[in-house]
Amino acid sequence: MPTDGLVSQMRRGALEYCVLALIRDTPRYAFDLIDALGKTGMLTTEGTLYPLLSRLRRDGLVKTEWRESSDGPPRRYYELTTEGRRALTAFRTEWSAFRAAVDGILQEAKKT
């Protein structure tokens, strides 16, 4: 499997939870999320993010609010719901266990 496909698959699996984590404490609008993700190396585009945000909203994990902007038209801000907080907490728990398992396997394989 080419490395770019591998990274893409890993990113796709974790992206929604990275978005939830980014709005955990502060509501954000889509371009702000794209910028924040890019700064961490989780590059994404509008074509990926907007459908993801729509799905998170439909699933009740985020709520939205339109806010006026001094830089142009109003912006839609995304904020976690109670259910979104639960999902993020569950992911964090599972992610830690998953990461530890994978790291253990990779370390063991390194020895052989």
PDB file of N, CA and C in Angstrom:
ATOM      1  N   MET A   1       0.856  -1.180   0.000  1.00  0.00           N
ATOM      2  CA  MET A   1       0.000   0.000   0.000  1.00  0.00           C
ATOM      3  C   MET A   1       0.897   1.238   0.000  1.00  0.00           C
ATOM      4  N   PRO A   2       0.679   2.161  -0.928  1.00  0.00           N
ATOM      5  CA  PRO A   2       1.489   3.377  -0.948  1.00  0.00           C
ATOM      6  C   PRO A   2       1.268   4.195   0.335  1.00  0.00           C
ATOM      7  N   THR A   3       2.317   4.875   0.762  1.00  0.00           N
ATOM      8  CA  THR A   3       2.258   5.641   1.997  1.00  0.00           C
ATOM      9  C   THR A   3       1.181   6.712   1.976  1.00  0.00           C
ATOM     10  N   ASP A   4       0.983   7.394   0.854  1.00  0.00           N
ATOM     11  CA  ASP A   4      -0.024   8.460   0.819  1.00  0.00           C
ATOM     12  C   ASP A   4      -1.421   7.903   1.051  1.00  0.00           C
ATOM     13  N   GLY A   5      -1.717   6.715   0.560  1.00  0.00           N
ATOM     14  CA  GLY A   5      -3.003   6.079   0.809  1.00  0.00           C
ATOM     15  C   GLY A   5      -3.159   5.685   2.266  1.00  0.00           C
ATOM     16  N   LEU A   6      -2.084   5.246   2.878  1.00  0.00           N
ATOM     17  CA  LEU A   6      -2.100   4.873   4.284  1.00  0.00           C
ATOM     18  C   LEU A   6      -2.401   6.086   5.156  1.00  0.00           C
ATOM     19  N   VAL A   7      -1.705   7.167   4.915  1.00  0.00           N
ATOM     20  CA  VAL A   7      -1.914   8.397   5.690  1.00  0.00           C
ATOM     21  C   VAL A   7      -3.336   8.903   5.483  1.00  0.00           C
ATOM     22  N   SER A   8      -3.808   8.838   4.269  1.00  0.00           N
ATOM     23  CA  SER A   8      -5.168   9.283   3.965  1.00  0.00           C
ATOM     24  C   SER A   8      -6.197   8.468   4.739  1.00  0.00           C
ATOM     25  N   GLN A   9      -6.009   7.165   4.809  1.00  0.00           N
ATOM     26  CA  GLN A   9      -6.929   6.296   5.552  1.00  0.00           C
ATOM     27  C   GLN A   9      -6.902   6.607   7.046  1.00  0.00           C
ATOM     28  N   MET A  10      -5.712   6.790   7.593  1.00  0.00           N
ATOM     29  CA  MET A  10      -5.607   7.102   9.019  1.00  0.00           C
ATOM     30  C   MET A  10      -6.261   8.450   9.320  1.00  0.00           C
ATOM     31  N   ARG A  11      -6.015   9.425   8.452  1.00  0.00           N
ATOM     32  CA  ARG A  11      -6.578  10.761   8.637  1.00  0.00           C
ATOM     33  C   ARG A  11      -8.102  10.708   8.576  1.00  0.00           C
ATOM     34  N   ARG A  12      -8.627   9.981   7.621  1.00  0.00           N
ATOM     35  CA  ARG A  12     -10.081   9.882   7.445  1.00  0.00           C
ATOM     36  C   ARG A  12     -10.736   9.308   8.702  1.00  0.00           C
ATOM     37  N   GLY A  13     -10.094   8.322   9.312  1.00  0.00           N
ATOM     38  CA  GLY A  13     -10.660   7.693  10.494  1.00  0.00           C
ATOM     39  C   GLY A  13     -10.665   8.580  11.727  1.00  0.00           C
ATOM     40  N   ALA A  14      -9.728   9.505  11.817  1.00  0.00           N
ATOM     41  CA  ALA A  14      -9.597  10.328  13.021  1.00  0.00           C
ATOM     42  C   ALA A  14     -10.099  11.758  12.838  1.00  0.00           C
ATOM     43  N   LEU A  15     -10.358  12.175  11.609  1.00  0.00           N
ATOM     44  CA  LEU A  15     -10.659  13.581  11.336  1.00  0.00           C
ATOM     45  C   LEU A  15     -11.866  14.107  12.105  1.00  0.00           C
ATOM     46  N   GLU A  16     -12.956  13.348  12.148  1.00  0.00           N
ATOM     47  CA  GLU A  16     -14.142  13.871  12.817  1.00  0.00           C
ATOM     48  C   GLU A  16     -13.885  14.106  14.294  1.00  0.00           C
ATOM     49  N   TYR A  17     -13.073  13.265  14.919  1.00  0.00           N
ATOM     50  CA  TYR A  17     -12.783  13.452  16.334  1.00  0.00           C
ATOM     51  C   TYR A  17     -11.795  14.595  16.556  1.00  0.00           C
ATOM     52  N   CYS A  18     -10.916  14.820  15.596  1.00  0.00           N
ATOM     53  CA  CYS A  18     -10.039  15.990  15.675  1.00  0.00           C
ATOM     54  C   CYS A  18     -10.870  17.271  15.593  1.00  0.00           C
ATOM     55  N   VAL A  19     -11.865  17.276  14.729  1.00  0.00           N
ATOM     56  CA  VAL A  19     -12.765  18.430  14.627  1.00  0.00           C
ATOM     57  C   VAL A  19     -13.519  18.623  15.939  1.00  0.00           C
ATOM     58  N   LEU A  20     -14.048  17.550  16.497  1.00  0.00           N
ATOM     59  CA  LEU A  20     -14.748  17.661  17.779  1.00  0.00           C
ATOM     60  C   LEU A  20     -13.819  18.208  18.858  1.00  0.00           C
ATOM     61  N   ALA A  21     -12.571  17.754  18.871  1.00  0.00           N
ATOM     62  CA  ALA A  21     -11.614  18.233  19.864  1.00  0.00           C
ATOM     63  C   ALA A  21     -11.318  19.718  19.677  1.00  0.00           C
ATOM     64  N   LEU A  22     -11.249  20.163  18.431  1.00  0.00           N
ATOM     65  CA  LEU A  22     -10.950  21.574  18.168  1.00  0.00           C
ATOM     66  C   LEU A  22     -12.076  22.510  18.604  1.00  0.00           C
ATOM     67  N   ILE A  23     -13.297  22.003  18.649  1.00  0.00           N
ATOM     68  CA  ILE A  23     -14.407  22.861  19.070  1.00  0.00           C
ATOM     69  C   ILE A  23     -14.879  22.530  20.492  1.00  0.00           C
ATOM     70  N   ARG A  24     -14.122  21.710  21.170  1.00  0.00           N
ATOM     71  CA  ARG A  24     -14.495  21.306  22.531  1.00  0.00           C
ATOM     72  C   ARG A  24     -14.674  22.507  23.455  1.00  0.00           C
ATOM     73  N   ASP A  25     -13.746  23.444  23.431  1.00  0.00           N
ATOM     74  CA  ASP A  25     -13.787  24.571  24.356  1.00  0.00           C
ATOM     75  C   ASP A  25     -14.231  25.880  23.726  1.00  0.00           C
ATOM     76  N   THR A  26     -14.080  25.985  22.407  1.00  0.00           N
ATOM     77  CA  THR A  26     -14.383  27.238  21.723  1.00  0.00           C
ATOM     78  C   THR A  26     -15.084  26.957  20.401  1.00  0.00           C
ATOM     79  N   PRO A  27     -16.272  27.517  20.199  1.00  0.00           N
ATOM     80  CA  PRO A  27     -16.923  27.370  18.892  1.00  0.00           C
ATOM     81  C   PRO A  27     -16.035  27.951  17.789  1.00  0.00           C
ATOM     82  N   ARG A  28     -16.053  27.318  16.628  1.00  0.00           N
ATOM     83  CA  ARG A  28     -15.237  27.774  15.492  1.00  0.00           C
ATOM     84  C   ARG A  28     -16.039  27.681  14.212  1.00  0.00           C
ATOM     85  N   TYR A  29     -15.616  28.444  13.218  1.00  0.00           N
ATOM     86  CA  TYR A  29     -16.225  28.370  11.900  1.00  0.00           C
ATOM     87  C   TYR A  29     -15.327  27.544  10.995  1.00  0.00           C
ATOM     88  N   ALA A  30     -15.853  27.145   9.863  1.00  0.00           N
ATOM     89  CA  ALA A  30     -15.188  26.146   9.016  1.00  0.00           C
ATOM     90  C   ALA A  30     -13.775  26.539   8.590  1.00  0.00           C
ATOM     91  N   PHE A  31     -13.576  27.770   8.108  1.00  0.00           N
ATOM     92  CA  PHE A  31     -12.233  28.137   7.655  1.00  0.00           C
ATOM     93  C   PHE A  31     -11.235  28.144   8.808  1.00  0.00           C
ATOM     94  N   ASP A  32     -11.699  28.486  10.003  1.00  0.00           N
ATOM     95  CA  ASP A  32     -10.844  28.438  11.178  1.00  0.00           C
ATOM     96  C   ASP A  32     -10.446  26.993  11.476  1.00  0.00           C
ATOM     97  N   LEU A  33     -11.381  26.070  11.314  1.00  0.00           N
ATOM     98  CA  LEU A  33     -11.086  24.651  11.519  1.00  0.00           C
ATOM     99  C   LEU A  33     -10.079  24.145  10.487  1.00  0.00           C
ATOM    100  N   ILE A  34     -10.256  24.525   9.241  1.00  0.00           N
ATOM    101  CA  ILE A  34      -9.318  24.110   8.188  1.00  0.00           C
ATOM    102  C   ILE A  34      -7.918  24.611   8.512  1.00  0.00           C
ATOM    103  N   ASP A  35      -7.826  25.864   8.949  1.00  0.00           N
ATOM    104  CA  ASP A  35      -6.536  26.449   9.306  1.00  0.00           C
ATOM    105  C   ASP A  35      -5.910  25.703  10.488  1.00  0.00           C
ATOM    106  N   ALA A  36      -6.691  25.460  11.524  1.00  0.00           N
ATOM    107  CA  ALA A  36      -6.179  24.765  12.712  1.00  0.00           C
ATOM    108  C   ALA A  36      -5.731  23.343  12.369  1.00  0.00           C
ATOM    109  N   LEU A  37      -6.502  22.651  11.560  1.00  0.00           N
ATOM    110  CA  LEU A  37      -6.125  21.299  11.147  1.00  0.00           C
ATOM    111  C   LEU A  37      -4.837  21.323  10.328  1.00  0.00           C
ATOM    112  N   GLY A  38      -4.725  22.298   9.437  1.00  0.00           N
ATOM    113  CA  GLY A  38      -3.525  22.414   8.612  1.00  0.00           C
ATOM    114  C   GLY A  38      -2.274  22.655   9.436  1.00  0.00           C
ATOM    115  N   LYS A  39      -2.402  23.441  10.485  1.00  0.00           N
ATOM    116  CA  LYS A  39      -1.244  23.741  11.339  1.00  0.00           C
ATOM    117  C   LYS A  39      -0.759  22.518  12.098  1.00  0.00           C
ATOM    118  N   THR A  40      -1.610  21.534  12.271  1.00  0.00           N
ATOM    119  CA  THR A  40      -1.218  20.317  12.979  1.00  0.00           C
ATOM    120  C   THR A  40      -0.766  19.216  12.029  1.00  0.00           C
ATOM    121  N   GLY A  41      -0.866  19.459  10.735  1.00  0.00           N
ATOM    122  CA  GLY A  41      -0.509  18.434   9.762  1.00  0.00           C
ATOM    123  C   GLY A  41      -1.699  17.617   9.296  1.00  0.00           C
ATOM    124  N   MET A  42      -2.872  17.873   9.843  1.00  0.00           N
ATOM    125  CA  MET A  42      -4.101  17.177   9.429  1.00  0.00           C
ATOM    126  C   MET A  42      -4.754  17.987   8.309  1.00  0.00           C
ATOM    127  N   LEU A  43      -4.061  18.101   7.211  1.00  0.00           N
ATOM    128  CA  LEU A  43      -4.554  18.910   6.103  1.00  0.00           C
ATOM    129  C   LEU A  43      -5.898  18.411   5.621  1.00  0.00           C
ATOM    130  N   THR A  44      -6.790  19.347   5.350  1.00  0.00           N
ATOM    131  CA  THR A  44      -8.090  18.998   4.809  1.00  0.00           C
ATOM    132  C   THR A  44      -8.578  20.148   3.948  1.00  0.00           C
ATOM    133  N   THR A  45      -9.602  19.892   3.183  1.00  0.00           N
ATOM    134  CA  THR A  45     -10.146  20.898   2.291  1.00  0.00           C
ATOM    135  C   THR A  45     -11.610  21.153   2.636  1.00  0.00           C
ATOM    136  N   GLU A  46     -12.143  22.212   2.045  1.00  0.00           N
ATOM    137  CA  GLU A  46     -13.562  22.514   2.233  1.00  0.00           C
ATOM    138  C   GLU A  46     -14.418  21.339   1.775  1.00  0.00           C
ATOM    139  N   GLY A  47     -14.019  20.710   0.683  1.00  0.00           N
ATOM    140  CA  GLY A  47     -14.772  19.596   0.130  1.00  0.00           C
ATOM    141  C   GLY A  47     -14.847  18.398   1.063  1.00  0.00           C
ATOM    142  N   THR A  48     -13.915  18.302   1.975  1.00  0.00           N
ATOM    143  CA  THR A  48     -13.935  17.246   2.980  1.00  0.00           C
ATOM    144  C   THR A  48     -14.634  17.719   4.254  1.00  0.00           C
ATOM    145  N   LEU A  49     -14.331  18.951   4.658  1.00  0.00           N
ATOM    146  CA  LEU A  49     -14.815  19.431   5.950  1.00  0.00           C
ATOM    147  C   LEU A  49     -16.310  19.723   5.977  1.00  0.00           C
ATOM    148  N   TYR A  50     -16.838  20.378   4.963  1.00  0.00           N
ATOM    149  CA  TYR A  50     -18.254  20.745   5.004  1.00  0.00           C
ATOM    150  C   TYR A  50     -19.187  19.533   5.083  1.00  0.00           C
ATOM    151  N   PRO A  51     -18.969  18.496   4.294  1.00  0.00           N
ATOM    152  CA  PRO A  51     -19.827  17.304   4.464  1.00  0.00           C
ATOM    153  C   PRO A  51     -19.669  16.676   5.852  1.00  0.00           C
ATOM    154  N   LEU A  52     -18.457  16.688   6.380  1.00  0.00           N
ATOM    155  CA  LEU A  52     -18.219  16.152   7.721  1.00  0.00           C
ATOM    156  C   LEU A  52     -18.996  16.956   8.763  1.00  0.00           C
ATOM    157  N   LEU A  53     -18.928  18.284   8.674  1.00  0.00           N
ATOM    158  CA  LEU A  53     -19.651  19.139   9.617  1.00  0.00           C
ATOM    159  C   LEU A  53     -21.162  18.942   9.495  1.00  0.00           C
ATOM    160  N   SER A  54     -21.646  18.789   8.280  1.00  0.00           N
ATOM    161  CA  SER A  54     -23.080  18.537   8.079  1.00  0.00           C
ATOM    162  C   SER A  54     -23.499  17.224   8.730  1.00  0.00           C
ATOM    163  N   ARG A  55     -22.676  16.201   8.572  1.00  0.00           N
ATOM    164  CA  ARG A  55     -22.985  14.905   9.176  1.00  0.00           C
ATOM    165  C   ARG A  55     -22.953  14.992  10.702  1.00  0.00           C
ATOM    166  N   LEU A  56     -21.964  15.693  11.246  1.00  0.00           N
ATOM    167  CA  LEU A  56     -21.880  15.852  12.703  1.00  0.00           C
ATOM    168  C   LEU A  56     -23.107  16.581  13.240  1.00  0.00           C
ATOM    169  N   ARG A  57     -23.589  17.541  12.463  1.00  0.00           N
ATOM    170  CA  ARG A  57     -24.791  18.290  12.873  1.00  0.00           C
ATOM    171  C   ARG A  57     -26.024  17.382  12.814  1.00  0.00           C
ATOM    172  N   ARG A  58     -26.164  16.643  11.713  1.00  0.00           N
ATOM    173  CA  ARG A  58     -27.295  15.707  11.579  1.00  0.00           C
ATOM    174  C   ARG A  58     -27.291  14.652  12.682  1.00  0.00           C
ATOM    175  N   ASP A  59     -26.088  14.221  13.081  1.00  0.00           N
ATOM    176  CA  ASP A  59     -25.958  13.195  14.113  1.00  0.00           C
ATOM    177  C   ASP A  59     -26.115  13.760  15.521  1.00  0.00           C
ATOM    178  N   GLY A  60     -26.277  15.063  15.631  1.00  0.00           N
ATOM    179  CA  GLY A  60     -26.491  15.695  16.930  1.00  0.00           C
ATOM    180  C   GLY A  60     -25.234  15.884  17.762  1.00  0.00           C
ATOM    181  N   LEU A  61     -24.056  15.799  17.121  1.00  0.00           N
ATOM    182  CA  LEU A  61     -22.803  15.957  17.856  1.00  0.00           C
ATOM    183  C   LEU A  61     -22.358  17.413  17.925  1.00  0.00           C
ATOM    184  N   VAL A  62     -22.824  18.224  16.983  1.00  0.00           N
ATOM    185  CA  VAL A  62     -22.534  19.656  17.008  1.00  0.00           C
ATOM    186  C   VAL A  62     -23.817  20.429  16.759  1.00  0.00           C
ATOM    187  N   LYS A  63     -23.815  21.654  17.228  1.00  0.00           N
ATOM    188  CA  LYS A  63     -24.895  22.584  16.910  1.00  0.00           C
ATOM    189  C   LYS A  63     -24.250  23.795  16.259  1.00  0.00           C
ATOM    190  N   THR A  64     -25.045  24.552  15.538  1.00  0.00           N
ATOM    191  CA  THR A  64     -24.489  25.685  14.817  1.00  0.00           C
ATOM    192  C   THR A  64     -25.208  26.977  15.196  1.00  0.00           C
ATOM    193  N   GLU A  65     -24.483  28.054  14.958  1.00  0.00           N
ATOM    194  CA  GLU A  65     -25.027  29.384  15.209  1.00  0.00           C
ATOM    195  C   GLU A  65     -24.396  30.346  14.207  1.00  0.00           C
ATOM    196  N   TRP A  66     -25.229  31.149  13.569  1.00  0.00           N
ATOM    197  CA  TRP A  66     -24.726  32.167  12.662  1.00  0.00           C
ATOM    198  C   TRP A  66     -24.315  33.379  13.479  1.00  0.00           C
ATOM    199  N   ARG A  67     -23.125  33.908  13.186  1.00  0.00           N
ATOM    200  CA  ARG A  67     -22.628  35.105  13.869  1.00  0.00           C
ATOM    201  C   ARG A  67     -22.155  36.109  12.843  1.00  0.00           C
ATOM    202  N   GLU A  68     -22.407  37.369  13.126  1.00  0.00           N
ATOM    203  CA  GLU A  68     -21.916  38.449  12.269  1.00  0.00           C
ATOM    204  C   GLU A  68     -20.391  38.464  12.308  1.00  0.00           C
ATOM    205  N   SER A  69     -19.796  38.888  11.205  1.00  0.00           N
ATOM    206  CA  SER A  69     -18.343  38.973  11.102  1.00  0.00           C
ATOM    207  C   SER A  69     -17.959  40.378  10.663  1.00  0.00           C
ATOM    208  N   SER A  70     -16.921  40.906  11.263  1.00  0.00           N
ATOM    209  CA  SER A  70     -16.426  42.226  10.855  1.00  0.00           C
ATOM    210  C   SER A  70     -15.651  42.124   9.540  1.00  0.00           C
ATOM    211  N   ASP A  71     -15.307  40.891   9.127  1.00  0.00           N
ATOM    212  CA  ASP A  71     -14.514  40.672   7.919  1.00  0.00           C
ATOM    213  C   ASP A  71     -15.336  40.269   6.702  1.00  0.00           C
ATOM    214  N   GLY A  72     -16.651  40.328   6.783  1.00  0.00           N
ATOM    215  CA  GLY A  72     -17.453  39.920   5.637  1.00  0.00           C
ATOM    216  C   GLY A  72     -18.806  39.406   6.066  1.00  0.00           C
ATOM    217  N   PRO A  73     -19.312  38.433   5.325  1.00  0.00           N
ATOM    218  CA  PRO A  73     -20.653  37.905   5.623  1.00  0.00           C
ATOM    219  C   PRO A  73     -20.676  37.143   6.953  1.00  0.00           C
ATOM    220  N   PRO A  74     -21.871  36.889   7.469  1.00  0.00           N
ATOM    221  CA  PRO A  74     -21.975  36.107   8.708  1.00  0.00           C
ATOM    222  C   PRO A  74     -21.338  34.728   8.536  1.00  0.00           C
ATOM    223  N   ARG A  75     -20.878  34.178   9.641  1.00  0.00           N
ATOM    224  CA  ARG A  75     -20.222  32.870   9.634  1.00  0.00           C
ATOM    225  C   ARG A  75     -21.001  31.893  10.499  1.00  0.00           C
ATOM    226  N   ARG A  76     -20.996  30.647  10.071  1.00  0.00           N
ATOM    227  CA  ARG A  76     -21.639  29.587  10.851  1.00  0.00           C
ATOM    228  C   ARG A  76     -20.597  29.004  11.795  1.00  0.00           C
ATOM    229  N   TYR A  77     -20.850  29.116  13.074  1.00  0.00           N
ATOM    230  CA  TYR A  77     -19.959  28.577  14.091  1.00  0.00           C
ATOM    231  C   TYR A  77     -20.488  27.223  14.557  1.00  0.00           C
ATOM    232  N   TYR A  78     -19.551  26.321  14.814  1.00  0.00           N
ATOM    233  CA  TYR A  78     -19.876  24.972  15.244  1.00  0.00           C
ATOM    234  C   TYR A  78     -19.449  24.802  16.699  1.00  0.00           C
ATOM    235  N   GLU A  79     -20.328  24.178  17.473  1.00  0.00           N
ATOM    236  CA  GLU A  79     -20.093  23.996  18.901  1.00  0.00           C
ATOM    237  C   GLU A  79     -20.541  22.584  19.292  1.00  0.00           C
ATOM    238  N   LEU A  80     -19.830  21.986  20.238  1.00  0.00           N
ATOM    239  CA  LEU A  80     -20.191  20.638  20.681  1.00  0.00           C
ATOM    240  C   LEU A  80     -21.512  20.633  21.434  1.00  0.00           C
ATOM    241  N   THR A  81     -22.268  19.587  21.224  1.00  0.00           N
ATOM    242  CA  THR A  81     -23.451  19.326  22.030  1.00  0.00           C
ATOM    243  C   THR A  81     -23.026  18.395  23.173  1.00  0.00           C
ATOM    244  N   THR A  82     -23.935  18.118  24.062  1.00  0.00           N
ATOM    245  CA  THR A  82     -23.652  17.165  25.139  1.00  0.00           C
ATOM    246  C   THR A  82     -23.293  15.808  24.541  1.00  0.00           C
ATOM    247  N   GLU A  83     -24.025  15.408  23.510  1.00  0.00           N
ATOM    248  CA  GLU A  83     -23.733  14.128  22.854  1.00  0.00           C
ATOM    249  C   GLU A  83     -22.360  14.157  22.178  1.00  0.00           C
ATOM    250  N   GLY A  84     -21.988  15.296  21.619  1.00  0.00           N
ATOM    251  CA  GLY A  84     -20.671  15.444  21.015  1.00  0.00           C
ATOM    252  C   GLY A  84     -19.560  15.314  22.043  1.00  0.00           C
ATOM    253  N   ARG A  85     -19.785  15.861  23.218  1.00  0.00           N
ATOM    254  CA  ARG A  85     -18.801  15.735  24.300  1.00  0.00           C
ATOM    255  C   ARG A  85     -18.657  14.274  24.726  1.00  0.00           C
ATOM    256  N   ARG A  86     -19.771  13.580  24.798  1.00  0.00           N
ATOM    257  CA  ARG A  86     -19.723  12.145  25.148  1.00  0.00           C
ATOM    258  C   ARG A  86     -18.940  11.359  24.096  1.00  0.00           C
ATOM    259  N   ALA A  87     -19.213  11.646  22.830  1.00  0.00           N
ATOM    260  CA  ALA A  87     -18.527  10.937  21.741  1.00  0.00           C
ATOM    261  C   ALA A  87     -17.030  11.212  21.782  1.00  0.00           C
ATOM    262  N   LEU A  88     -16.648  12.454  22.040  1.00  0.00           N
ATOM    263  CA  LEU A  88     -15.228  12.800  22.105  1.00  0.00           C
ATOM    264  C   LEU A  88     -14.560  12.108  23.285  1.00  0.00           C
ATOM    265  N   THR A  89     -15.218  12.076  24.421  1.00  0.00           N
ATOM    266  CA  THR A  89     -14.673  11.400  25.599  1.00  0.00           C
ATOM    267  C   THR A  89     -14.485   9.903  25.317  1.00  0.00           C
ATOM    268  N   ALA A  90     -15.479   9.286  24.700  1.00  0.00           N
ATOM    269  CA  ALA A  90     -15.383   7.862  24.366  1.00  0.00           C
ATOM    270  C   ALA A  90     -14.239   7.620  23.385  1.00  0.00           C
ATOM    271  N   PHE A  91     -14.097   8.489  22.387  1.00  0.00           N
ATOM    272  CA  PHE A  91     -13.017   8.330  21.420  1.00  0.00           C
ATOM    273  C   PHE A  91     -11.661   8.442  22.102  1.00  0.00           C
ATOM    274  N   ARG A  92     -11.523   9.424  22.982  1.00  0.00           N
ATOM    275  CA  ARG A  92     -10.235   9.614  23.670  1.00  0.00           C
ATOM    276  C   ARG A  92      -9.852   8.354  24.437  1.00  0.00           C
ATOM    277  N   THR A  93     -10.804   7.748  25.109  1.00  0.00           N
ATOM    278  CA  THR A  93     -10.543   6.519  25.857  1.00  0.00           C
ATOM    279  C   THR A  93     -10.123   5.393  24.913  1.00  0.00           C
ATOM    280  N   GLU A  94     -10.908   5.192  23.866  1.00  0.00           N
ATOM    281  CA  GLU A  94     -10.610   4.121  22.909  1.00  0.00           C
ATOM    282  C   GLU A  94      -9.310   4.392  22.161  1.00  0.00           C
ATOM    283  N   TRP A  95      -9.065   5.641  21.813  1.00  0.00           N
ATOM    284  CA  TRP A  95      -7.853   6.006  21.080  1.00  0.00           C
ATOM    285  C   TRP A  95      -6.609   5.670  21.906  1.00  0.00           C
ATOM    286  N   SER A  96      -6.631   5.991  23.183  1.00  0.00           N
ATOM    287  CA  SER A  96      -5.483   5.703  24.043  1.00  0.00           C
ATOM    288  C   SER A  96      -5.186   4.212  24.069  1.00  0.00           C
ATOM    289  N   ALA A  97      -6.223   3.397  24.223  1.00  0.00           N
ATOM    290  CA  ALA A  97      -6.033   1.943  24.246  1.00  0.00           C
ATOM    291  C   ALA A  97      -5.555   1.438  22.883  1.00  0.00           C
ATOM    292  N   PHE A  98      -6.145   1.955  21.808  1.00  0.00           N
ATOM    293  CA  PHE A  98      -5.764   1.543  20.456  1.00  0.00           C
ATOM    294  C   PHE A  98      -4.312   1.921  20.165  1.00  0.00           C
ATOM    295  N   ARG A  99      -3.953   3.158  20.499  1.00  0.00           N
ATOM    296  CA  ARG A  99      -2.588   3.630  20.264  1.00  0.00           C
ATOM    297  C   ARG A  99      -1.591   2.788  21.048  1.00  0.00           C
ATOM    298  N   ALA A 100      -1.910   2.487  22.304  1.00  0.00           N
ATOM    299  CA  ALA A 100      -1.010   1.672  23.125  1.00  0.00           C
ATOM    300  C   ALA A 100      -0.843   0.278  22.529  1.00  0.00           C
ATOM    301  N   ALA A 101      -1.931  -0.297  22.028  1.00  0.00           N
ATOM    302  CA  ALA A 101      -1.857  -1.625  21.422  1.00  0.00           C
ATOM    303  C   ALA A 101      -0.980  -1.607  20.168  1.00  0.00           C
ATOM    304  N   VAL A 102      -1.199  -0.626  19.307  1.00  0.00           N
ATOM    305  CA  VAL A 102      -0.408  -0.528  18.072  1.00  0.00           C
ATOM    306  C   VAL A 102       1.053  -0.263  18.407  1.00  0.00           C
ATOM    307  N   ASP A 103       1.312   0.658  19.330  1.00  0.00           N
ATOM    308  CA  ASP A 103       2.701   0.948  19.718  1.00  0.00           C
ATOM    309  C   ASP A 103       3.375  -0.307  20.267  1.00  0.00           C
ATOM    310  N   GLY A 104       2.641  -1.084  21.073  1.00  0.00           N
ATOM    311  CA  GLY A 104       3.206  -2.317  21.623  1.00  0.00           C
ATOM    312  C   GLY A 104       3.568  -3.310  20.531  1.00  0.00           C
ATOM    313  N   ILE A 105       2.691  -3.458  19.570  1.00  0.00           N
ATOM    314  CA  ILE A 105       2.953  -4.375  18.459  1.00  0.00           C
ATOM    315  C   ILE A 105       4.142  -3.898  17.638  1.00  0.00           C
ATOM    316  N   LEU A 106       4.191  -2.604  17.350  1.00  0.00           N
ATOM    317  CA  LEU A 106       5.301  -2.067  16.567  1.00  0.00           C
ATOM    318  C   LEU A 106       6.633  -2.196  17.303  1.00  0.00           C
ATOM    319  N   GLN A 107       6.622  -1.999  18.607  1.00  0.00           N
ATOM    320  CA  GLN A 107       7.844  -2.144  19.391  1.00  0.00           C
ATOM    321  C   GLN A 107       8.298  -3.596  19.425  1.00  0.00           C
ATOM    322  N   GLU A 108       7.360  -4.516  19.571  1.00  0.00           N
ATOM    323  CA  GLU A 108       7.687  -5.934  19.584  1.00  0.00           C
ATOM    324  C   GLU A 108       8.247  -6.368  18.240  1.00  0.00           C
ATOM    325  N   ALA A 109       7.617  -5.889  17.162  1.00  0.00           N
ATOM    326  CA  ALA A 109       8.083  -6.245  15.814  1.00  0.00           C
ATOM    327  C   ALA A 109       9.473  -5.671  15.550  1.00  0.00           C
ATOM    328  N   LYS A 110       9.784  -4.565  16.156  1.00  0.00           N
ATOM    329  CA  LYS A 110      11.092  -3.927  15.982  1.00  0.00           C
ATOM    330  C   LYS A 110      12.203  -4.795  16.574  1.00  0.00           C
ATOM    331  N   LYS A 111      11.887  -5.530  17.622  1.00  0.00           N
ATOM    332  CA  LYS A 111      12.865  -6.377  18.305  1.00  0.00           C
ATOM    333  C   LYS A 111      13.257  -7.597  17.480  1.00  0.00           C
ATOM    334  N   THR A 112      12.354  -8.023  16.597  1.00  0.00           N
ATOM    335  CA  THR A 112      12.618  -9.251  15.846  1.00  0.00           C
ATOM    336  C   THR A 112      13.271  -8.980  14.528  1.00  0.00           C
TER     337      THR A 112
END
